[in-house]
Amino acid sequence: MYTNIPNNEFPDIIKTQMESNKIDEHINKVVLEWCKIILNQNYFQQHGGIYAQTNGLAVCSPTLSIFL
């Protein structure tokens, strides 16, 4: 079981899924651009502080649930 999903692999996973489901190429580009933005702006709050997630997406994070 993964504790996180690596940022560098995640867009490839999404791209593969969209291609296998025959999603329009223009939509693919837009979704992949959104992925990059979301992966680079992945913040969370814990114990009164705000932190940037720098290594992957937590499996149960709201950010990841957008794509599932």
N, C-alpha and C. Protein backbone atom coordinates (compact mmCIF):
# COMPACT_ATOMS: atom_id res chain seq x y z
N MET A 1 0.84 -1.18 0.00
CA MET A 1 0.00 0.00 0.00
C MET A 1 0.88 1.24 0.00
N TYR A 2 0.54 2.22 -0.83
CA TYR A 2 1.30 3.46 -0.93
C TYR A 2 0.95 4.42 0.20
N THR A 3 1.94 5.11 0.73
CA THR A 3 1.68 6.20 1.66
C THR A 3 1.49 7.49 0.89
N ASN A 4 2.01 7.54 -0.33
CA ASN A 4 1.77 8.69 -1.19
C ASN A 4 1.91 8.27 -2.65
N ILE A 5 1.40 9.11 -3.53
CA ILE A 5 1.51 8.90 -4.97
C ILE A 5 2.58 9.87 -5.47
N PRO A 6 3.66 9.39 -6.09
CA PRO A 6 4.72 10.28 -6.54
C PRO A 6 4.23 11.31 -7.57
N ASN A 7 4.58 12.57 -7.35
CA ASN A 7 4.15 13.65 -8.26
C ASN A 7 4.61 13.42 -9.69
N ASN A 8 5.82 12.90 -9.88
CA ASN A 8 6.33 12.75 -11.23
C ASN A 8 5.64 11.62 -12.00
N GLU A 9 5.03 10.67 -11.33
CA GLU A 9 4.33 9.57 -11.99
C GLU A 9 2.84 9.83 -12.20
N PHE A 10 2.29 10.68 -11.38
CA PHE A 10 0.84 10.89 -11.38
C PHE A 10 0.30 11.39 -12.73
N PRO A 11 0.91 12.41 -13.37
CA PRO A 11 0.37 12.85 -14.67
C PRO A 11 0.40 11.74 -15.73
N ASP A 12 1.42 10.90 -15.71
CA ASP A 12 1.48 9.79 -16.66
C ASP A 12 0.36 8.79 -16.43
N ILE A 13 0.04 8.55 -15.18
CA ILE A 13 -1.07 7.65 -14.84
C ILE A 13 -2.38 8.21 -15.36
N ILE A 14 -2.61 9.50 -15.13
CA ILE A 14 -3.84 10.15 -15.60
C ILE A 14 -3.90 10.13 -17.12
N LYS A 15 -2.78 10.45 -17.78
CA LYS A 15 -2.74 10.46 -19.24
C LYS A 15 -3.06 9.08 -19.82
N THR A 16 -2.48 8.05 -19.24
CA THR A 16 -2.74 6.69 -19.71
C THR A 16 -4.21 6.33 -19.56
N GLN A 17 -4.81 6.70 -18.46
CA GLN A 17 -6.23 6.40 -18.23
C GLN A 17 -7.12 7.14 -19.23
N MET A 18 -6.80 8.42 -19.48
CA MET A 18 -7.60 9.19 -20.43
C MET A 18 -7.48 8.62 -21.84
N GLU A 19 -6.27 8.24 -22.23
CA GLU A 19 -6.07 7.66 -23.56
C GLU A 19 -6.79 6.32 -23.69
N SER A 20 -6.74 5.50 -22.66
CA SER A 20 -7.40 4.20 -22.74
C SER A 20 -8.92 4.33 -22.76
N ASN A 21 -9.43 5.46 -22.25
CA ASN A 21 -10.87 5.71 -22.28
C ASN A 21 -11.28 6.60 -23.45
N LYS A 22 -10.32 6.85 -24.36
CA LYS A 22 -10.57 7.61 -25.58
C LYS A 22 -11.14 9.01 -25.31
N ILE A 23 -10.56 9.68 -24.32
CA ILE A 23 -10.94 11.06 -24.02
C ILE A 23 -10.31 11.97 -25.07
N ASP A 24 -11.04 12.99 -25.50
CA ASP A 24 -10.57 13.93 -26.51
C ASP A 24 -9.21 14.52 -26.13
N GLU A 25 -8.33 14.65 -27.12
CA GLU A 25 -6.97 15.11 -26.87
C GLU A 25 -6.91 16.51 -26.26
N HIS A 26 -7.81 17.40 -26.67
CA HIS A 26 -7.86 18.75 -26.09
C HIS A 26 -8.18 18.67 -24.59
N ILE A 27 -9.12 17.84 -24.23
CA ILE A 27 -9.48 17.65 -22.82
C ILE A 27 -8.29 17.07 -22.06
N ASN A 28 -7.58 16.12 -22.68
CA ASN A 28 -6.39 15.54 -22.06
C ASN A 28 -5.39 16.63 -21.68
N LYS A 29 -5.12 17.54 -22.62
CA LYS A 29 -4.15 18.61 -22.38
C LYS A 29 -4.58 19.50 -21.22
N VAL A 30 -5.86 19.85 -21.19
CA VAL A 30 -6.38 20.71 -20.13
C VAL A 30 -6.27 20.01 -18.77
N VAL A 31 -6.68 18.76 -18.71
CA VAL A 31 -6.64 18.01 -17.45
C VAL A 31 -5.20 17.85 -16.97
N LEU A 32 -4.28 17.56 -17.88
CA LEU A 32 -2.87 17.41 -17.49
C LEU A 32 -2.29 18.73 -17.00
N GLU A 33 -2.71 19.85 -17.59
CA GLU A 33 -2.27 21.16 -17.11
C GLU A 33 -2.81 21.41 -15.70
N TRP A 34 -4.06 21.05 -15.46
CA TRP A 34 -4.64 21.17 -14.11
C TRP A 34 -3.87 20.31 -13.12
N CYS A 35 -3.51 19.11 -13.55
CA CYS A 35 -2.72 18.21 -12.68
C CYS A 35 -1.44 18.89 -12.23
N LYS A 36 -0.74 19.49 -13.17
CA LYS A 36 0.52 20.16 -12.83
C LYS A 36 0.31 21.28 -11.83
N ILE A 37 -0.74 22.06 -12.04
CA ILE A 37 -1.03 23.17 -11.13
C ILE A 37 -1.36 22.64 -9.74
N ILE A 38 -2.23 21.65 -9.68
CA ILE A 38 -2.65 21.08 -8.39
C ILE A 38 -1.47 20.43 -7.68
N LEU A 39 -0.64 19.69 -8.40
CA LEU A 39 0.50 19.03 -7.78
C LEU A 39 1.51 20.02 -7.23
N ASN A 40 1.62 21.18 -7.87
CA ASN A 40 2.58 22.19 -7.42
C ASN A 40 2.01 23.14 -6.38
N GLN A 41 0.71 23.06 -6.11
CA GLN A 41 0.08 23.92 -5.11
C GLN A 41 -0.69 23.05 -4.11
N ASN A 42 -0.02 22.07 -3.60
CA ASN A 42 -0.63 21.08 -2.72
C ASN A 42 -0.29 21.40 -1.27
N TYR A 43 -1.16 22.14 -0.62
CA TYR A 43 -0.95 22.58 0.77
C TYR A 43 -1.92 21.86 1.69
N PHE A 44 -1.53 21.75 2.96
CA PHE A 44 -2.42 21.17 3.95
C PHE A 44 -2.21 21.88 5.29
N GLN A 45 -3.20 21.75 6.15
CA GLN A 45 -3.14 22.37 7.47
C GLN A 45 -3.09 21.28 8.53
N GLN A 46 -2.19 21.46 9.49
CA GLN A 46 -2.06 20.50 10.58
C GLN A 46 -1.52 21.21 11.81
N HIS A 47 -2.15 20.97 12.94
CA HIS A 47 -1.72 21.54 14.22
C HIS A 47 -1.52 23.06 14.13
N GLY A 48 -2.44 23.73 13.44
CA GLY A 48 -2.41 25.18 13.36
C GLY A 48 -1.44 25.76 12.34
N GLY A 49 -0.70 24.93 11.65
CA GLY A 49 0.24 25.42 10.63
C GLY A 49 -0.21 25.03 9.24
N ILE A 50 0.27 25.76 8.25
CA ILE A 50 0.00 25.43 6.85
C ILE A 50 1.31 24.99 6.23
N TYR A 51 1.27 23.85 5.55
CA TYR A 51 2.47 23.24 5.01
C TYR A 51 2.28 22.90 3.54
N ALA A 52 3.38 22.85 2.82
CA ALA A 52 3.35 22.42 1.42
C ALA A 52 3.77 20.96 1.36
N GLN A 53 2.98 20.15 0.68
CA GLN A 53 3.34 18.74 0.46
C GLN A 53 4.37 18.73 -0.66
N THR A 54 5.59 18.31 -0.37
CA THR A 54 6.67 18.40 -1.36
C THR A 54 7.00 17.07 -2.02
N ASN A 55 6.51 15.98 -1.47
CA ASN A 55 6.87 14.68 -2.01
C ASN A 55 5.63 13.82 -2.16
N GLY A 56 4.99 13.91 -3.31
CA GLY A 56 3.84 13.07 -3.59
C GLY A 56 2.53 13.61 -3.01
N LEU A 57 1.48 12.89 -3.30
CA LEU A 57 0.14 13.19 -2.78
C LEU A 57 -0.24 12.11 -1.79
N ALA A 58 -0.71 12.51 -0.64
CA ALA A 58 -1.19 11.53 0.33
C ALA A 58 -2.38 10.79 -0.26
N VAL A 59 -2.46 9.50 -0.04
CA VAL A 59 -3.49 8.66 -0.66
C VAL A 59 -4.90 9.15 -0.32
N CYS A 60 -5.16 9.56 0.87
CA CYS A 60 -6.51 9.98 1.26
C CYS A 60 -6.69 11.49 1.23
N SER A 61 -5.82 12.20 0.56
CA SER A 61 -5.90 13.67 0.55
C SER A 61 -7.03 14.14 -0.36
N PRO A 62 -7.63 15.29 -0.04
CA PRO A 62 -8.66 15.86 -0.91
C PRO A 62 -8.12 16.17 -2.31
N THR A 63 -6.85 16.53 -2.40
CA THR A 63 -6.26 16.81 -3.69
C THR A 63 -6.30 15.60 -4.59
N LEU A 64 -5.94 14.46 -4.08
CA LEU A 64 -5.94 13.24 -4.88
C LEU A 64 -7.36 12.81 -5.21
N SER A 65 -8.30 13.03 -4.30
CA SER A 65 -9.67 12.57 -4.54
C SER A 65 -10.33 13.30 -5.72
N ILE A 66 -9.79 14.46 -6.11
CA ILE A 66 -10.31 15.17 -7.28
C ILE A 66 -10.19 14.29 -8.52
N PHE A 67 -9.13 13.50 -8.58
CA PHE A 67 -8.84 12.72 -9.78
C PHE A 67 -9.38 11.31 -9.74
N LEU A 68 -9.88 10.88 -8.63
CA LEU A 68 -10.33 9.48 -8.51
C LEU A 68 -11.80 9.32 -8.77
